[in-house]
Protein backbone atom coordinates (compact mmCIF):
# COMPACT_ATOMS: atom_id res chain seq x y z
CA MET A 1 70.90 80.14 123.62
CA THR A 2 73.52 82.62 124.80
CA LYS A 3 73.18 86.20 123.87
CA LEU A 4 74.10 86.86 120.26
CA PRO A 5 76.68 89.42 119.28
CA SER A 6 75.53 92.64 117.85
CA TYR A 7 76.15 93.49 114.21
CA ASP A 8 79.05 95.74 115.13
CA ASP A 9 80.66 92.80 116.99
CA LEU A 10 80.70 90.59 113.84
CA PRO A 11 82.65 88.64 112.91
CA ILE A 12 83.37 86.85 116.31
CA ASP A 13 86.63 85.68 114.73
CA PRO A 14 88.02 88.30 112.30
CA THR A 15 90.98 86.11 111.43
CA ASN A 16 88.69 83.45 109.95
CA ALA A 17 85.68 85.17 108.59
CA PRO A 18 84.75 88.03 106.30
CA ASP A 19 83.57 91.42 107.73
CA SER A 20 80.10 91.43 109.24
CA SER A 21 79.72 87.71 108.90
CA ALA A 22 78.12 85.41 111.50
CA TRP A 23 80.42 82.45 110.79
CA GLY A 24 80.83 80.39 113.87
CA VAL A 25 78.11 82.20 115.90
CA PHE A 26 75.92 79.09 115.83
CA GLY A 27 78.80 76.64 115.75
CA GLU A 28 81.55 75.79 113.32
CA ASP A 29 79.61 72.92 111.78
CA ASP A 30 76.27 74.80 111.71
CA ASN A 31 74.09 74.35 108.58
CA LEU A 32 71.08 76.24 109.59
CA GLY A 33 72.28 79.84 110.12
CA THR A 34 69.67 82.10 111.68
CA LEU A 35 67.06 79.26 111.52
CA SER A 36 68.84 78.15 114.62
CA LEU A 37 66.88 80.96 116.37
CA LEU A 38 63.69 78.95 115.87
CA THR A 39 63.94 77.13 119.22
CA GLU A 40 61.17 74.86 120.34
CA GLU A 41 60.28 77.39 123.05
CA ARG A 42 59.97 80.35 120.55
CA VAL A 43 57.99 78.27 118.04
CA ALA A 44 55.64 77.21 120.88
CA LYS A 45 55.14 80.71 122.10
CA ALA A 46 54.56 81.92 118.49
CA ALA A 47 51.78 79.41 118.03
CA GLN A 48 50.25 80.23 121.39
CA ASP A 49 50.39 84.00 120.82
CA ASN A 50 49.34 84.16 117.11
CA VAL A 51 47.09 81.23 116.29
CA LYS A 52 43.69 82.74 117.36
CA ARG A 53 41.18 82.82 114.60
CA GLY A 54 42.30 79.93 112.52
CA ALA A 55 42.72 82.22 109.49
CA VAL A 56 45.08 80.71 106.89
CA PHE A 57 46.94 82.69 104.19
CA SER A 58 48.97 81.16 101.43
CA LEU A 59 52.09 83.10 100.55
CA ASN A 60 52.82 81.00 97.43
CA TRP A 61 52.60 82.89 94.12
CA LYS A 62 51.40 81.14 91.01
CA LEU A 63 54.07 78.94 89.69
CA GLU A 64 53.67 80.49 86.22
CA LEU A 65 54.54 84.01 87.47
CA PRO A 66 56.58 86.09 86.91
CA CYS A 67 56.51 85.30 83.13
CA PRO A 68 59.20 85.02 81.91
CA PRO A 69 61.17 84.19 85.06
CA PRO A 70 63.95 86.67 86.01
CA HIS A 71 67.67 86.10 85.52
CA ASN A 72 67.20 83.93 82.50
CA ARG A 73 65.70 81.08 84.49
CA GLU A 74 63.56 78.47 82.88
CA ALA A 75 59.76 78.62 83.21
CA ILE A 76 57.81 75.77 84.67
CA GLN A 77 57.00 72.91 82.37
CA HIS A 78 53.84 70.95 83.18
CA ARG A 79 52.75 67.78 81.40
CA ILE A 80 49.74 65.79 82.31
CA ARG A 81 50.55 62.04 81.57
CA ASP A 82 47.71 59.76 80.55
CA ARG A 83 48.12 56.65 82.59
CA PHE A 84 45.34 54.94 80.57
CA GLU A 85 47.95 54.56 77.73
CA ASN A 86 49.45 51.65 79.71
CA LYS A 87 46.17 50.03 80.59
CA GLY A 88 47.60 49.78 84.06
CA PHE A 89 45.90 48.07 86.96
CA GLY A 90 42.99 46.90 84.77
CA ALA A 91 41.95 50.40 83.91
CA VAL A 92 38.89 50.45 81.60
CA HIS A 93 38.05 54.13 81.55
CA ASN A 94 40.22 57.16 80.50
CA ASN A 95 40.17 58.65 84.03
CA TRP A 96 43.65 58.12 85.33
CA PHE A 97 46.30 60.86 85.14
CA ASP A 98 49.63 61.81 86.61
CA ASP A 99 51.57 65.06 86.81
CA VAL A 100 55.07 65.61 85.39
CA ILE A 101 56.52 68.98 86.41
CA GLU A 102 59.91 70.44 85.61
CA ILE A 103 60.65 73.52 87.52
CA ASN A 104 63.55 75.85 88.40
CA THR A 105 62.92 76.24 92.13
CA GLN A 106 63.82 79.96 91.89
CA SER A 107 61.43 80.86 89.03
CA SER A 108 58.64 81.88 91.44
CA SER A 109 58.03 81.87 95.20
CA GLN A 110 61.10 80.37 96.83
CA TRP A 111 63.48 79.95 99.67
CA ASP A 112 66.96 80.93 98.82
CA GLY A 113 69.15 78.30 100.49
CA LEU A 114 72.64 78.93 101.97
CA LEU A 115 74.26 77.41 98.84
CA HIS A 116 72.61 80.00 96.53
CA VAL A 117 75.19 82.72 96.82
CA GLY A 118 78.67 82.64 98.58
CA ASN A 119 80.86 85.45 99.84
CA MET A 120 82.26 87.21 96.88
CA GLU A 121 85.59 88.06 98.51
CA THR A 122 86.52 84.67 99.92
CA GLY A 123 84.65 82.56 97.37
CA LYS A 124 83.24 80.44 100.20
CA PHE A 125 79.70 79.84 101.46
CA TYR A 126 78.25 80.33 104.98
CA ASN A 127 80.55 79.20 107.69
CA GLY A 128 83.49 78.92 105.39
CA VAL A 129 82.27 76.12 103.30
CA SER A 130 84.13 75.98 99.97
CA PRO A 131 82.67 74.90 96.65
CA ASP A 132 85.37 72.27 96.43
CA ALA A 133 84.44 70.73 99.78
CA LEU A 134 80.86 70.21 98.55
CA SER A 135 82.14 67.71 96.02
CA GLN A 136 83.60 65.59 98.79
CA GLU A 137 81.32 62.91 100.15
CA GLN A 138 81.90 63.83 103.77
CA HIS A 139 81.01 67.49 103.20
CA SER A 140 78.36 67.04 100.47
CA HIS A 141 75.49 67.42 102.93
CA ARG A 142 76.68 70.93 104.02
CA LEU A 143 74.22 73.84 103.79
CA GLY A 144 71.77 72.03 101.71
CA ILE A 145 68.09 73.16 101.60
CA HIS A 146 67.32 69.87 103.37
CA HIS A 147 68.57 71.29 106.60
CA MET A 148 65.64 73.71 106.50
CA ALA A 149 63.13 71.11 105.72
CA ALA A 150 64.80 68.94 109.35
CA VAL A 151 54.70 50.42 123.13
CA GLN A 152 55.51 47.20 121.76
CA GLY A 153 53.12 45.93 119.18
CA LYS A 154 52.81 42.88 116.86
CA GLN A 155 55.47 42.59 114.26
CA ILE A 156 54.20 43.30 110.79
CA ASP A 157 56.30 43.37 107.55
CA PRO A 158 55.62 46.74 105.83
CA PHE A 159 56.61 45.22 102.52
CA THR A 160 53.55 42.93 102.53
CA CYS A 161 49.93 43.73 101.59
CA HIS A 162 48.85 43.87 105.14
CA ALA A 163 45.47 45.57 105.49
CA ILE A 164 45.00 47.61 108.63
CA THR A 165 41.47 47.30 109.94
CA VAL A 166 39.18 49.82 111.46
CA ASP A 167 39.36 48.02 114.85
CA GLU A 168 43.15 48.31 114.81
CA LEU A 169 42.90 52.12 114.16
CA LYS A 170 40.43 52.54 116.97
CA GLN A 171 42.63 50.54 119.28
CA VAL A 172 45.66 52.71 118.49
CA ALA A 173 43.69 55.90 118.92
CA LYS A 174 42.50 54.59 122.36
CA ASP A 175 46.07 53.58 123.47
CA GLN A 176 47.38 56.93 122.36
CA HIS A 177 44.50 58.85 124.02
CA VAL A 178 43.53 60.53 120.76
CA GLU A 179 40.05 62.01 120.30
CA PHE A 180 39.12 62.62 116.71
CA MET A 181 37.54 66.00 115.91
CA PRO A 182 35.89 67.21 112.70
CA GLY A 183 38.47 68.70 110.30
CA ASP A 184 41.34 66.61 111.71
CA ILE A 185 44.11 65.35 109.42
CA LEU A 186 44.71 61.64 109.97
CA LEU A 187 48.34 60.82 109.98
CA LEU A 188 49.19 57.09 109.95
CA ARG A 189 52.73 55.85 110.39
CA THR A 190 52.89 52.25 108.98
CA GLY A 191 56.71 51.92 109.20
CA TRP A 192 56.97 51.54 105.52
CA MET A 193 59.33 54.41 105.00
CA ALA A 194 61.61 53.47 107.85
CA ALA A 195 61.85 49.91 106.52
CA TYR A 196 62.66 51.26 103.02
CA GLU A 197 65.45 53.55 104.34
CA ARG A 198 66.93 50.48 106.13
CA ASP A 199 66.75 48.24 103.08
CA SER A 200 65.58 49.81 99.91
CA LYS A 201 66.68 46.75 97.84
CA ALA A 202 63.86 44.74 99.62
CA VAL A 203 61.28 46.81 97.69
CA ASP A 204 60.41 45.53 94.22
CA PHE A 205 58.54 48.31 92.60
CA GLU A 206 57.76 46.06 89.62
CA ASN A 207 55.82 43.81 91.95
CA LEU A 208 55.00 46.25 94.84
CA HIS A 209 53.43 44.95 98.05
CA CYS A 210 52.86 47.46 100.79
CA ILE A 211 51.02 47.74 104.13
CA GLY A 212 48.10 50.19 104.35
CA VAL A 213 44.53 50.47 105.42
CA GLU A 214 41.97 47.99 104.28
CA ALA A 215 39.62 48.97 101.42
CA SER A 216 36.26 48.18 103.00
CA GLU A 217 32.87 49.60 103.62
CA SER A 218 33.70 49.78 107.38
CA MET A 219 36.86 51.79 106.62
CA TYR A 220 35.06 54.27 104.37
CA ARG A 221 32.44 54.60 107.03
CA PHE A 222 34.98 55.19 109.70
CA ILE A 223 36.85 57.82 107.65
CA TRP A 224 33.80 59.72 106.69
CA ASP A 225 31.96 59.61 109.99
CA ASN A 226 34.98 61.10 111.80
CA HIS A 227 34.95 63.93 109.24
CA PHE A 228 38.63 64.01 108.55
CA ALA A 229 39.70 66.87 106.29
CA ALA A 230 42.33 64.65 104.80
CA VAL A 231 44.32 61.48 105.39
CA ALA A 232 48.06 60.76 104.91
CA SER A 233 50.54 58.00 105.62
CA ASP A 234 54.24 57.16 105.23
CA ASN A 235 53.56 54.45 102.68
CA VAL A 236 53.08 54.50 98.90
CA ALA A 237 49.33 54.46 98.58
CA PHE A 238 47.78 54.91 102.09
CA GLU A 239 45.66 51.74 101.38
CA ALA A 240 47.09 48.22 101.36
CA PHE A 241 48.74 47.53 97.98
CA PRO A 242 48.24 45.95 95.46
CA THR A 243 44.60 47.02 95.40
CA LYS A 244 42.22 44.09 94.78
CA ASP A 245 39.59 46.20 92.93
CA TRP A 246 40.08 49.82 92.01
CA THR A 247 36.33 50.31 91.81
CA ASN A 248 36.24 49.48 95.54
CA SER A 249 39.28 51.28 96.77
CA CYS A 250 40.16 53.94 99.18
CA HIS A 251 41.38 56.16 96.29
CA THR A 252 38.01 55.95 94.49
CA HIS A 253 35.96 56.48 97.57
CA PHE A 254 38.04 59.25 99.16
CA LEU A 255 39.10 61.23 96.12
CA ALA A 256 36.25 60.82 93.67
CA GLY A 257 33.57 60.14 96.30
CA PHE A 258 34.43 62.24 99.40
CA GLY A 259 36.63 64.81 97.70
CA MET A 260 39.11 64.01 100.44
CA PRO A 261 42.85 64.37 99.61
CA ILE A 262 45.18 61.45 100.26
CA GLY A 263 48.78 62.10 101.36
CA GLU A 264 51.35 59.48 100.46
CA MET A 265 54.96 59.01 101.50
CA PHE A 266 54.93 61.62 104.32
CA TYR A 267 58.03 61.46 106.45
CA LEU A 268 56.66 60.74 109.86
CA GLU A 269 59.65 59.22 111.68
CA LYS A 270 60.86 62.16 113.76
CA LEU A 271 57.27 63.30 114.54
CA ALA A 272 56.44 59.72 115.61
CA ASP A 273 59.60 59.60 117.91
CA ASP A 274 58.65 62.84 119.46
CA CYS A 275 55.13 61.66 120.12
CA ALA A 276 56.41 58.61 121.72
CA ASN A 277 58.71 60.58 123.98
CA ASP A 278 56.03 63.07 125.23
CA GLY A 279 53.00 60.84 124.95
CA ARG A 280 51.10 63.44 123.01
CA TYR A 281 49.98 62.29 119.64
CA SER A 282 48.53 65.43 118.17
CA CYS A 283 50.14 68.35 116.52
CA PHE A 284 49.53 71.61 114.62
CA PHE A 285 49.66 70.57 110.98
CA THR A 286 50.33 72.92 108.12
CA SER A 287 50.75 72.35 104.50
CA ALA A 288 51.45 74.62 101.47
CA PRO A 289 50.58 72.80 98.22
CA LEU A 290 52.12 74.06 94.98
CA ASN A 291 49.95 76.83 93.56
CA LYS A 292 49.93 75.27 90.09
CA TYR A 293 47.02 75.85 87.86
CA GLN A 294 45.26 72.62 86.99
CA GLY A 295 47.74 70.60 88.96
CA VAL A 296 46.88 66.94 89.53
CA ALA A 297 49.16 66.46 92.57
CA THR A 298 51.64 68.54 94.56
CA PRO A 299 54.48 68.10 97.00
CA PRO A 300 52.92 68.71 100.41
CA ASN A 301 55.34 71.33 101.77
CA VAL A 302 54.00 70.18 105.12
CA LEU A 303 54.97 71.02 108.74
CA ALA A 304 53.85 69.45 111.99
CA LEU A 305 53.93 71.66 115.06
CA LYS A 306 53.53 70.49 118.62
């Protein structure tokens, strides 16, 4: 990256930008702003220089605080939904719940995105994006918070209930030169999410079939004996779905038995591409779950660093 202008040298184009603005500094079509400074080299050096003890600190305030939220914003609404009401999946005990959360993302700890406040003089947002432009399809992506978030094998249909075996997992680990260590997070890319993004109409959520790991004694043994801290995948259930028997399922064994979290529908495509490019299938993994009292589940707020 070339040397940045000083504050006194802003704007770089006074005819097309407000005073002291950095419009155009990172490119006319830039959506990241100063996040563009987080180059791969800088992030790598930061990890090398700062990750020493393994100490972890959550910077997420309780979602209920402050109470009431400032600026007349809505407080979080949390409802625990009893799935037993539907008698779904052959449930016979009242031990199946979902979370339903309604939240103003600026009622507690938050990132203010580039669409939160615009320039008061021009009425435009960062880099000259106008509110009217955002309503146009070709510009609707501009400045959204999503910009912050950014070997040939056998062919398997991710939309079938294909059960991945322990032997297959071991073979993949061997081919990728991965050595499991206690406390690792096992990330499994099945290809389900990529297939869904290519053809979402091919998925029938009323009669869902999905690739995943097999629910078996050998799988439970493999997961536990490797002492993973958690497991996660890019599919809807981690295990092959529909589940044949919920009493003998990965969910029952991992969650209720091991006390092991299960991650579902993690976006692993770009990470997988990068791993394939550099041949290194390990990363620094960080996740900041919602600090919601009595929460049943949470968006992962997860990052993978290499």
